[in-house]
């Protein structure tokens, strides 16, 4: 999800073990699409409506809800809580 995150950054993720039902708009979510099990994507929650979510990457060329449309809450499997930047001694809470 460049430019916000870079390859090599470490993320602390709060994994969700039930269908996601609480959206904090602007939060960074870990998405696992039903069509691609085992592949995790990082997207920002932009909108929520009736248990469905509109998620977008920060890169305008990202594949996200602009391509897929709304995703159900069960495809949100985690929320990024903290990032440790690659080769830096600082961190940025989300």
PDB file of N, CA and C in Angstrom:
ATOM      1  N   UNK A   1       0.837  -1.178   0.000  1.00  0.00           N
ATOM      2  CA  UNK A   1       0.000   0.000   0.000  1.00  0.00           C
ATOM      3  C   UNK A   1       0.880   1.240   0.000  1.00  0.00           C
ATOM      4  N   UNK A   2       1.788   1.250  -0.955  1.00  0.00           N
ATOM      5  CA  UNK A   2       2.658   2.417  -1.091  1.00  0.00           C
ATOM      6  C   UNK A   2       1.820   3.625  -1.500  1.00  0.00           C
ATOM      7  N   UNK A   3       2.120   4.797  -1.068  1.00  0.00           N
ATOM      8  CA  UNK A   3       3.330   5.213  -0.373  1.00  0.00           C
ATOM      9  C   UNK A   3       3.253   5.123   1.152  1.00  0.00           C
ATOM     10  N   UNK A   4       2.102   4.760   1.720  1.00  0.00           N
ATOM     11  CA  UNK A   4       1.966   4.707   3.176  1.00  0.00           C
ATOM     12  C   UNK A   4       2.880   3.662   3.791  1.00  0.00           C
ATOM     13  N   UNK A   5       2.879   2.464   3.242  1.00  0.00           N
ATOM     14  CA  UNK A   5       3.739   1.387   3.714  1.00  0.00           C
ATOM     15  C   UNK A   5       4.731   1.052   2.622  1.00  0.00           C
ATOM     16  N   UNK A   6       5.910   0.619   3.035  1.00  0.00           N
ATOM     17  CA  UNK A   6       6.947   0.243   2.081  1.00  0.00           C
ATOM     18  C   UNK A   6       7.318  -1.218   2.281  1.00  0.00           C
ATOM     19  N   UNK A   7       7.825  -1.828   1.225  1.00  0.00           N
ATOM     20  CA  UNK A   7       8.304  -3.200   1.320  1.00  0.00           C
ATOM     21  C   UNK A   7       9.340  -3.276   2.430  1.00  0.00           C
ATOM     22  N   UNK A   8       9.177  -4.215   3.343  1.00  0.00           N
ATOM     23  CA  UNK A   8      10.101  -4.375   4.454  1.00  0.00           C
ATOM     24  C   UNK A   8       9.616  -3.779   5.760  1.00  0.00           C
ATOM     25  N   UNK A   9       8.561  -2.954   5.719  1.00  0.00           N
ATOM     26  CA  UNK A   9       7.984  -2.449   6.964  1.00  0.00           C
ATOM     27  C   UNK A   9       7.402  -3.613   7.752  1.00  0.00           C
ATOM     28  N   UNK A  10       7.442  -3.524   9.070  1.00  0.00           N
ATOM     29  CA  UNK A  10       6.839  -4.521   9.949  1.00  0.00           C
ATOM     30  C   UNK A  10       5.512  -3.962  10.431  1.00  0.00           C
ATOM     31  N   UNK A  11       4.475  -4.815  10.434  1.00  0.00           N
ATOM     32  CA  UNK A  11       3.141  -4.388  10.865  1.00  0.00           C
ATOM     33  C   UNK A  11       2.681  -5.241  12.032  1.00  0.00           C
ATOM     34  N   UNK A  12       2.100  -4.582  13.032  1.00  0.00           N
ATOM     35  CA  UNK A  12       1.441  -5.275  14.123  1.00  0.00           C
ATOM     36  C   UNK A  12      -0.043  -5.303  13.780  1.00  0.00           C
ATOM     37  N   UNK A  13      -0.595  -6.502  13.656  1.00  0.00           N
ATOM     38  CA  UNK A  13      -1.974  -6.669  13.189  1.00  0.00           C
ATOM     39  C   UNK A  13      -2.818  -7.299  14.291  1.00  0.00           C
ATOM     40  N   UNK A  14      -3.987  -6.741  14.525  1.00  0.00           N
ATOM     41  CA  UNK A  14      -4.987  -7.348  15.395  1.00  0.00           C
ATOM     42  C   UNK A  14      -5.855  -8.216  14.488  1.00  0.00           C
ATOM     43  N   UNK A  15      -5.697  -9.538  14.601  1.00  0.00           N
ATOM     44  CA  UNK A  15      -6.431 -10.462  13.745  1.00  0.00           C
ATOM     45  C   UNK A  15      -7.865 -10.599  14.242  1.00  0.00           C
ATOM     46  N   UNK A  16      -8.801 -10.635  13.325  1.00  0.00           N
ATOM     47  CA  UNK A  16     -10.227 -10.740  13.625  1.00  0.00           C
ATOM     48  C   UNK A  16     -10.649 -12.182  13.375  1.00  0.00           C
ATOM     49  N   UNK A  17     -11.253 -12.831  14.376  1.00  0.00           N
ATOM     50  CA  UNK A  17     -11.623 -14.244  14.245  1.00  0.00           C
ATOM     51  C   UNK A  17     -13.121 -14.442  14.120  1.00  0.00           C
ATOM     52  N   UNK A  18     -13.807 -13.423  13.701  1.00  0.00           N
ATOM     53  CA  UNK A  18     -15.248 -13.484  13.463  1.00  0.00           C
ATOM     54  C   UNK A  18     -15.536 -12.466  12.374  1.00  0.00           C
ATOM     55  N   UNK A  19     -16.705 -12.489  11.774  1.00  0.00           N
ATOM     56  CA  UNK A  19     -16.979 -11.464  10.757  1.00  0.00           C
ATOM     57  C   UNK A  19     -16.798 -10.062  11.336  1.00  0.00           C
ATOM     58  N   UNK A  20     -16.064  -9.245  10.623  1.00  0.00           N
ATOM     59  CA  UNK A  20     -15.770  -7.877  11.058  1.00  0.00           C
ATOM     60  C   UNK A  20     -17.054  -7.068  11.047  1.00  0.00           C
ATOM     61  N   UNK A  21     -17.338  -6.365  12.147  1.00  0.00           N
ATOM     62  CA  UNK A  21     -18.590  -5.623  12.208  1.00  0.00           C
ATOM     63  C   UNK A  21     -18.436  -4.196  12.720  1.00  0.00           C
ATOM     64  N   UNK A  22     -17.205  -3.760  12.933  1.00  0.00           N
ATOM     65  CA  UNK A  22     -16.995  -2.398  13.422  1.00  0.00           C
ATOM     66  C   UNK A  22     -16.010  -1.675  12.521  1.00  0.00           C
ATOM     67  N   UNK A  23     -16.493  -0.742  11.774  1.00  0.00           N
ATOM     68  CA  UNK A  23     -15.616   0.003  10.885  1.00  0.00           C
ATOM     69  C   UNK A  23     -15.186   1.299  11.548  1.00  0.00           C
ATOM     70  N   UNK A  24     -13.905   1.531  11.529  1.00  0.00           N
ATOM     71  CA  UNK A  24     -13.382   2.833  11.877  1.00  0.00           C
ATOM     72  C   UNK A  24     -12.847   3.376  10.557  1.00  0.00           C
ATOM     73  N   UNK A  25     -13.586   4.304   9.990  1.00  0.00           N
ATOM     74  CA  UNK A  25     -13.203   4.811   8.679  1.00  0.00           C
ATOM     75  C   UNK A  25     -11.786   5.377   8.738  1.00  0.00           C
ATOM     76  N   UNK A  26     -11.010   5.048   7.734  1.00  0.00           N
ATOM     77  CA  UNK A  26      -9.614   5.451   7.691  1.00  0.00           C
ATOM     78  C   UNK A  26      -8.669   4.406   8.239  1.00  0.00           C
ATOM     79  N   UNK A  27      -9.202   3.387   8.931  1.00  0.00           N
ATOM     80  CA  UNK A  27      -8.353   2.313   9.457  1.00  0.00           C
ATOM     81  C   UNK A  27      -7.755   1.508   8.315  1.00  0.00           C
ATOM     82  N   UNK A  28      -6.608   0.906   8.585  1.00  0.00           N
ATOM     83  CA  UNK A  28      -5.955   0.039   7.608  1.00  0.00           C
ATOM     84  C   UNK A  28      -6.368  -1.394   7.922  1.00  0.00           C
ATOM     85  N   UNK A  29      -6.969  -2.059   6.940  1.00  0.00           N
ATOM     86  CA  UNK A  29      -7.481  -3.415   7.124  1.00  0.00           C
ATOM     87  C   UNK A  29      -6.636  -4.411   6.343  1.00  0.00           C
ATOM     88  N   UNK A  30      -6.567  -5.628   6.878  1.00  0.00           N
ATOM     89  CA  UNK A  30      -5.972  -6.748   6.161  1.00  0.00           C
ATOM     90  C   UNK A  30      -7.139  -7.516   5.545  1.00  0.00           C
ATOM     91  N   UNK A  31      -7.098  -7.671   4.240  1.00  0.00           N
ATOM     92  CA  UNK A  31      -8.180  -8.278   3.476  1.00  0.00           C
ATOM     93  C   UNK A  31      -7.732  -9.640   2.964  1.00  0.00           C
ATOM     94  N   UNK A  32      -8.613 -10.625   3.058  1.00  0.00           N
ATOM     95  CA  UNK A  32      -8.390 -11.922   2.413  1.00  0.00           C
ATOM     96  C   UNK A  32      -9.619 -12.188   1.548  1.00  0.00           C
ATOM     97  N   UNK A  33      -9.458 -12.068   0.254  1.00  0.00           N
ATOM     98  CA  UNK A  33     -10.566 -12.245  -0.685  1.00  0.00           C
ATOM     99  C   UNK A  33     -10.906 -13.725  -0.809  1.00  0.00           C
ATOM    100  N   UNK A  34     -12.188 -14.039  -0.922  1.00  0.00           N
ATOM    101  CA  UNK A  34     -12.624 -15.427  -1.069  1.00  0.00           C
ATOM    102  C   UNK A  34     -12.036 -16.068  -2.317  1.00  0.00           C
ATOM    103  N   UNK A  35     -11.827 -15.275  -3.361  1.00  0.00           N
ATOM    104  CA  UNK A  35     -11.290 -15.797  -4.627  1.00  0.00           C
ATOM    105  C   UNK A  35      -9.803 -16.119  -4.539  1.00  0.00           C
ATOM    106  N   UNK A  36      -9.107 -15.597  -3.507  1.00  0.00           N
ATOM    107  CA  UNK A  36      -7.662 -15.788  -3.383  1.00  0.00           C
ATOM    108  C   UNK A  36      -7.295 -16.115  -1.943  1.00  0.00           C
ATOM    109  N   UNK A  37      -7.755 -17.259  -1.419  1.00  0.00           N
ATOM    110  CA  UNK A  37      -7.451 -17.594  -0.025  1.00  0.00           C
ATOM    111  C   UNK A  37      -5.944 -17.697   0.209  1.00  0.00           C
ATOM    112  N   UNK A  38      -5.515 -17.210   1.374  1.00  0.00           N
ATOM    113  CA  UNK A  38      -4.102 -17.254   1.725  1.00  0.00           C
ATOM    114  C   UNK A  38      -3.305 -16.055   1.240  1.00  0.00           C
ATOM    115  N   UNK A  39      -3.921 -15.191   0.430  1.00  0.00           N
ATOM    116  CA  UNK A  39      -3.267 -13.968  -0.043  1.00  0.00           C
ATOM    117  C   UNK A  39      -3.857 -12.808   0.746  1.00  0.00           C
ATOM    118  N   UNK A  40      -2.997 -12.071   1.465  1.00  0.00           N
ATOM    119  CA  UNK A  40      -3.454 -10.969   2.312  1.00  0.00           C
ATOM    120  C   UNK A  40      -3.103  -9.637   1.660  1.00  0.00           C
ATOM    121  N   UNK A  41      -4.080  -8.758   1.608  1.00  0.00           N
ATOM    122  CA  UNK A  41      -3.924  -7.429   1.024  1.00  0.00           C
ATOM    123  C   UNK A  41      -4.151  -6.387   2.108  1.00  0.00           C
ATOM    124  N   UNK A  42      -3.523  -5.245   1.980  1.00  0.00           N
ATOM    125  CA  UNK A  42      -3.682  -4.165   2.949  1.00  0.00           C
ATOM    126  C   UNK A  42      -4.389  -3.015   2.247  1.00  0.00           C
ATOM    127  N   UNK A  43      -5.526  -2.612   2.805  1.00  0.00           N
ATOM    128  CA  UNK A  43      -6.340  -1.546   2.213  1.00  0.00           C
ATOM    129  C   UNK A  43      -6.897  -0.646   3.315  1.00  0.00           C
ATOM    130  N   UNK A  44      -7.241   0.574   2.959  1.00  0.00           N
ATOM    131  CA  UNK A  44      -7.828   1.523   3.899  1.00  0.00           C
ATOM    132  C   UNK A  44      -9.356   1.447   3.801  1.00  0.00           C
ATOM    133  N   UNK A  45     -10.033   1.380   4.950  1.00  0.00           N
ATOM    134  CA  UNK A  45     -11.498   1.366   4.969  1.00  0.00           C
ATOM    135  C   UNK A  45     -11.988   2.786   4.691  1.00  0.00           C
ATOM    136  N   UNK A  46     -12.716   2.947   3.599  1.00  0.00           N
ATOM    137  CA  UNK A  46     -13.206   4.264   3.195  1.00  0.00           C
ATOM    138  C   UNK A  46     -14.676   4.481   3.563  1.00  0.00           C
ATOM    139  N   UNK A  47     -15.494   3.419   3.430  1.00  0.00           N
ATOM    140  CA  UNK A  47     -16.932   3.525   3.675  1.00  0.00           C
ATOM    141  C   UNK A  47     -17.439   2.218   4.265  1.00  0.00           C
ATOM    142  N   UNK A  48     -18.535   2.311   5.001  1.00  0.00           N
ATOM    143  CA  UNK A  48     -19.190   1.119   5.544  1.00  0.00           C
ATOM    144  C   UNK A  48     -20.690   1.280   5.361  1.00  0.00           C
ATOM    145  N   UNK A  49     -21.344   0.151   4.997  1.00  0.00           N
ATOM    146  CA  UNK A  49     -22.794   0.179   4.820  1.00  0.00           C
ATOM    147  C   UNK A  49     -23.345  -1.238   4.958  1.00  0.00           C
ATOM    148  N   UNK A  50     -24.183  -1.435   5.954  1.00  0.00           N
ATOM    149  CA  UNK A  50     -24.890  -2.710   6.150  1.00  0.00           C
ATOM    150  C   UNK A  50     -23.959  -3.923   6.155  1.00  0.00           C
ATOM    151  N   UNK A  51     -22.845  -3.838   6.870  1.00  0.00           N
ATOM    152  CA  UNK A  51     -21.932  -4.974   6.971  1.00  0.00           C
ATOM    153  C   UNK A  51     -21.015  -5.156   5.783  1.00  0.00           C
ATOM    154  N   UNK A  52     -21.060  -4.233   4.833  1.00  0.00           N
ATOM    155  CA  UNK A  52     -20.166  -4.268   3.676  1.00  0.00           C
ATOM    156  C   UNK A  52     -19.245  -3.064   3.736  1.00  0.00           C
ATOM    157  N   UNK A  53     -18.081  -3.207   3.104  1.00  0.00           N
ATOM    158  CA  UNK A  53     -17.060  -2.178   3.221  1.00  0.00           C
ATOM    159  C   UNK A  53     -16.499  -1.807   1.859  1.00  0.00           C
ATOM    160  N   UNK A  54     -16.196  -0.525   1.724  1.00  0.00           N
ATOM    161  CA  UNK A  54     -15.509  -0.007   0.550  1.00  0.00           C
ATOM    162  C   UNK A  54     -14.074   0.250   0.984  1.00  0.00           C
ATOM    163  N   UNK A  55     -13.123  -0.462   0.384  1.00  0.00           N
ATOM    164  CA  UNK A  55     -11.715  -0.356   0.770  1.00  0.00           C
ATOM    165  C   UNK A  55     -10.887   0.073  -0.431  1.00  0.00           C
ATOM    166  N   UNK A  56      -9.905   0.912  -0.167  1.00  0.00           N
ATOM    167  CA  UNK A  56      -9.034   1.385  -1.243  1.00  0.00           C
ATOM    168  C   UNK A  56      -7.597   1.394  -0.774  1.00  0.00           C
ATOM    169  N   UNK A  57      -6.698   1.077  -1.683  1.00  0.00           N
ATOM    170  CA  UNK A  57      -5.276   1.257  -1.427  1.00  0.00           C
ATOM    171  C   UNK A  57      -4.929   2.723  -1.588  1.00  0.00           C
ATOM    172  N   UNK A  58      -3.827   3.155  -0.998  1.00  0.00           N
ATOM    173  CA  UNK A  58      -3.429   4.558  -1.107  1.00  0.00           C
ATOM    174  C   UNK A  58      -2.840   4.887  -2.473  1.00  0.00           C
ATOM    175  N   UNK A  59      -2.450   3.864  -3.221  1.00  0.00           N
ATOM    176  CA  UNK A  59      -1.942   4.060  -4.575  1.00  0.00           C
ATOM    177  C   UNK A  59      -3.131   4.055  -5.529  1.00  0.00           C
ATOM    178  N   UNK A  60      -3.294   5.092  -6.343  1.00  0.00           N
ATOM    179  CA  UNK A  60      -4.442   5.139  -7.254  1.00  0.00           C
ATOM    180  C   UNK A  60      -4.515   3.967  -8.245  1.00  0.00           C
ATOM    181  N   UNK A  61      -3.402   3.277  -8.457  1.00  0.00           N
ATOM    182  CA  UNK A  61      -3.387   2.137  -9.369  1.00  0.00           C
ATOM    183  C   UNK A  61      -3.648   0.818  -8.642  1.00  0.00           C
ATOM    184  N   UNK A  62      -4.005   0.898  -7.373  1.00  0.00           N
ATOM    185  CA  UNK A  62      -4.261  -0.286  -6.557  1.00  0.00           C
ATOM    186  C   UNK A  62      -5.504  -1.036  -7.040  1.00  0.00           C
ATOM    187  N   UNK A  63      -5.488  -2.355  -6.886  1.00  0.00           N
ATOM    188  CA  UNK A  63      -6.687  -3.160  -7.117  1.00  0.00           C
ATOM    189  C   UNK A  63      -7.425  -3.223  -5.793  1.00  0.00           C
ATOM    190  N   UNK A  64      -8.666  -2.743  -5.787  1.00  0.00           N
ATOM    191  CA  UNK A  64      -9.408  -2.600  -4.542  1.00  0.00           C
ATOM    192  C   UNK A  64     -10.893  -2.473  -4.878  1.00  0.00           C
ATOM    193  N   UNK A  65     -11.662  -1.840  -4.022  1.00  0.00           N
ATOM    194  CA  UNK A  65     -13.105  -1.715  -4.262  1.00  0.00           C
ATOM    195  C   UNK A  65     -13.440  -0.922  -5.518  1.00  0.00           C
ATOM    196  N   UNK A  66     -12.497  -0.155  -6.024  1.00  0.00           N
ATOM    197  CA  UNK A  66     -12.726   0.525  -7.305  1.00  0.00           C
ATOM    198  C   UNK A  66     -12.852  -0.497  -8.427  1.00  0.00           C
ATOM    199  N   UNK A  67     -12.296  -1.702  -8.202  1.00  0.00           N
ATOM    200  CA  UNK A  67     -12.411  -2.812  -9.145  1.00  0.00           C
ATOM    201  C   UNK A  67     -13.462  -3.815  -8.682  1.00  0.00           C
ATOM    202  N   UNK A  68     -13.419  -4.207  -7.394  1.00  0.00           N
ATOM    203  CA  UNK A  68     -14.271  -5.267  -6.854  1.00  0.00           C
ATOM    204  C   UNK A  68     -15.661  -4.803  -6.474  1.00  0.00           C
ATOM    205  N   UNK A  69     -15.802  -3.543  -6.081  1.00  0.00           N
ATOM    206  CA  UNK A  69     -17.039  -3.080  -5.448  1.00  0.00           C
ATOM    207  C   UNK A  69     -16.957  -3.322  -3.948  1.00  0.00           C
ATOM    208  N   UNK A  70     -18.092  -3.312  -3.287  1.00  0.00           N
ATOM    209  CA  UNK A  70     -18.158  -3.498  -1.832  1.00  0.00           C
ATOM    210  C   UNK A  70     -17.713  -4.912  -1.475  1.00  0.00           C
ATOM    211  N   UNK A  71     -17.038  -5.062  -0.321  1.00  0.00           N
ATOM    212  CA  UNK A  71     -16.658  -6.395   0.153  1.00  0.00           C
ATOM    213  C   UNK A  71     -17.391  -6.677   1.461  1.00  0.00           C
ATOM    214  N   UNK A  72     -17.738  -7.941   1.714  1.00  0.00           N
ATOM    215  CA  UNK A  72     -18.404  -8.282   2.980  1.00  0.00           C
ATOM    216  C   UNK A  72     -17.410  -8.252   4.143  1.00  0.00           C
ATOM    217  N   UNK A  73     -17.940  -8.042   5.339  1.00  0.00           N
ATOM    218  CA  UNK A  73     -17.108  -7.962   6.527  1.00  0.00           C
ATOM    219  C   UNK A  73     -16.273  -9.193   6.798  1.00  0.00           C
ATOM    220  N   UNK A  74     -16.705 -10.368   6.328  1.00  0.00           N
ATOM    221  CA  UNK A  74     -15.925 -11.583   6.594  1.00  0.00           C
ATOM    222  C   UNK A  74     -14.624 -11.628   5.798  1.00  0.00           C
ATOM    223  N   UNK A  75     -14.432 -10.710   4.855  1.00  0.00           N
ATOM    224  CA  UNK A  75     -13.169 -10.660   4.113  1.00  0.00           C
ATOM    225  C   UNK A  75     -12.147  -9.746   4.791  1.00  0.00           C
ATOM    226  N   UNK A  76     -12.566  -9.032   5.834  1.00  0.00           N
ATOM    227  CA  UNK A  76     -11.627  -8.257   6.639  1.00  0.00           C
ATOM    228  C   UNK A  76     -11.168  -9.175   7.770  1.00  0.00           C
ATOM    229  N   UNK A  77      -9.898  -9.540   7.739  1.00  0.00           N
ATOM    230  CA  UNK A  77      -9.383 -10.525   8.700  1.00  0.00           C
ATOM    231  C   UNK A  77      -8.457  -9.909   9.740  1.00  0.00           C
ATOM    232  N   UNK A  78      -8.152  -8.624   9.617  1.00  0.00           N
ATOM    233  CA  UNK A  78      -7.286  -7.981  10.590  1.00  0.00           C
ATOM    234  C   UNK A  78      -7.278  -6.475  10.420  1.00  0.00           C
ATOM    235  N   UNK A  79      -6.802  -5.795  11.473  1.00  0.00           N
ATOM    236  CA  UNK A  79      -6.652  -4.346  11.461  1.00  0.00           C
ATOM    237  C   UNK A  79      -5.207  -4.034  11.846  1.00  0.00           C
ATOM    238  N   UNK A  80      -4.544  -3.209  11.039  1.00  0.00           N
ATOM    239  CA  UNK A  80      -3.164  -2.814  11.327  1.00  0.00           C
ATOM    240  C   UNK A  80      -3.183  -1.800  12.468  1.00  0.00           C
ATOM    241  N   UNK A  81      -2.438  -2.101  13.532  1.00  0.00           N
ATOM    242  CA  UNK A  81      -2.384  -1.238  14.708  1.00  0.00           C
ATOM    243  C   UNK A  81      -1.097  -0.429  14.795  1.00  0.00           C
ATOM    244  N   UNK A  82      -0.014  -0.948  14.195  1.00  0.00           N
ATOM    245  CA  UNK A  82       1.283  -0.302  14.350  1.00  0.00           C
ATOM    246  C   UNK A  82       2.168  -0.655  13.171  1.00  0.00           C
ATOM    247  N   UNK A  83       2.975   0.305  12.768  1.00  0.00           N
ATOM    248  CA  UNK A  83       3.963   0.052  11.715  1.00  0.00           C
ATOM    249  C   UNK A  83       5.340   0.414  12.229  1.00  0.00           C
ATOM    250  N   UNK A  84       6.308  -0.449  11.976  1.00  0.00           N
ATOM    251  CA  UNK A  84       7.712  -0.144  12.240  1.00  0.00           C
ATOM    252  C   UNK A  84       8.364  -0.020  10.874  1.00  0.00           C
ATOM    253  N   UNK A  85       8.855   1.167  10.587  1.00  0.00           N
ATOM    254  CA  UNK A  85       9.426   1.428   9.264  1.00  0.00           C
ATOM    255  C   UNK A  85      10.726   0.664   9.068  1.00  0.00           C
ATOM    256  N   UNK A  86      10.934   0.225   7.875  1.00  0.00           N
ATOM    257  CA  UNK A  86      12.150  -0.493   7.503  1.00  0.00           C
ATOM    258  C   UNK A  86      13.377   0.380   7.779  1.00  0.00           C
ATOM    259  N   UNK A  87      14.370  -0.212   8.444  1.00  0.00           N
ATOM    260  CA  UNK A  87      15.650   0.440   8.720  1.00  0.00           C
ATOM    261  C   UNK A  87      15.523   1.725   9.514  1.00  0.00           C
ATOM    262  N   UNK A  88      14.496   1.848  10.307  1.00  0.00           N
ATOM    263  CA  UNK A  88      14.326   3.038  11.152  1.00  0.00           C
ATOM    264  C   UNK A  88      14.160   2.583  12.588  1.00  0.00           C
ATOM    265  N   UNK A  89      14.472   3.447  13.522  1.00  0.00           N
ATOM    266  CA  UNK A  89      14.301   3.145  14.928  1.00  0.00           C
ATOM    267  C   UNK A  89      13.028   3.758  15.489  1.00  0.00           C
ATOM    268  N   UNK A  90      12.154   4.198  14.619  1.00  0.00           N
ATOM    269  CA  UNK A  90      10.903   4.805  15.079  1.00  0.00           C
ATOM    270  C   UNK A  90       9.728   3.970  14.600  1.00  0.00           C
ATOM    271  N   UNK A  91       8.580   4.239  15.151  1.00  0.00           N
ATOM    272  CA  UNK A  91       7.371   3.561  14.749  1.00  0.00           C
ATOM    273  C   UNK A  91       6.260   4.575  14.582  1.00  0.00           C
ATOM    274  N   UNK A  92       5.208   4.179  13.873  1.00  0.00           N
ATOM    275  CA  UNK A  92       4.069   5.057  13.657  1.00  0.00           C
ATOM    276  C   UNK A  92       2.802   4.286  13.990  1.00  0.00           C
ATOM    277  N   UNK A  93       2.126   4.644  15.098  1.00  0.00           N
ATOM    278  CA  UNK A  93       0.862   3.977  15.402  1.00  0.00           C
ATOM    279  C   UNK A  93      -0.214   4.390  14.412  1.00  0.00           C
ATOM    280  N   UNK A  94      -1.113   3.460  14.099  1.00  0.00           N
ATOM    281  CA  UNK A  94      -2.231   3.772  13.186  1.00  0.00           C
ATOM    282  C   UNK A  94      -3.452   4.105  13.964  1.00  0.00           C
TER     283      UNK A  94
END
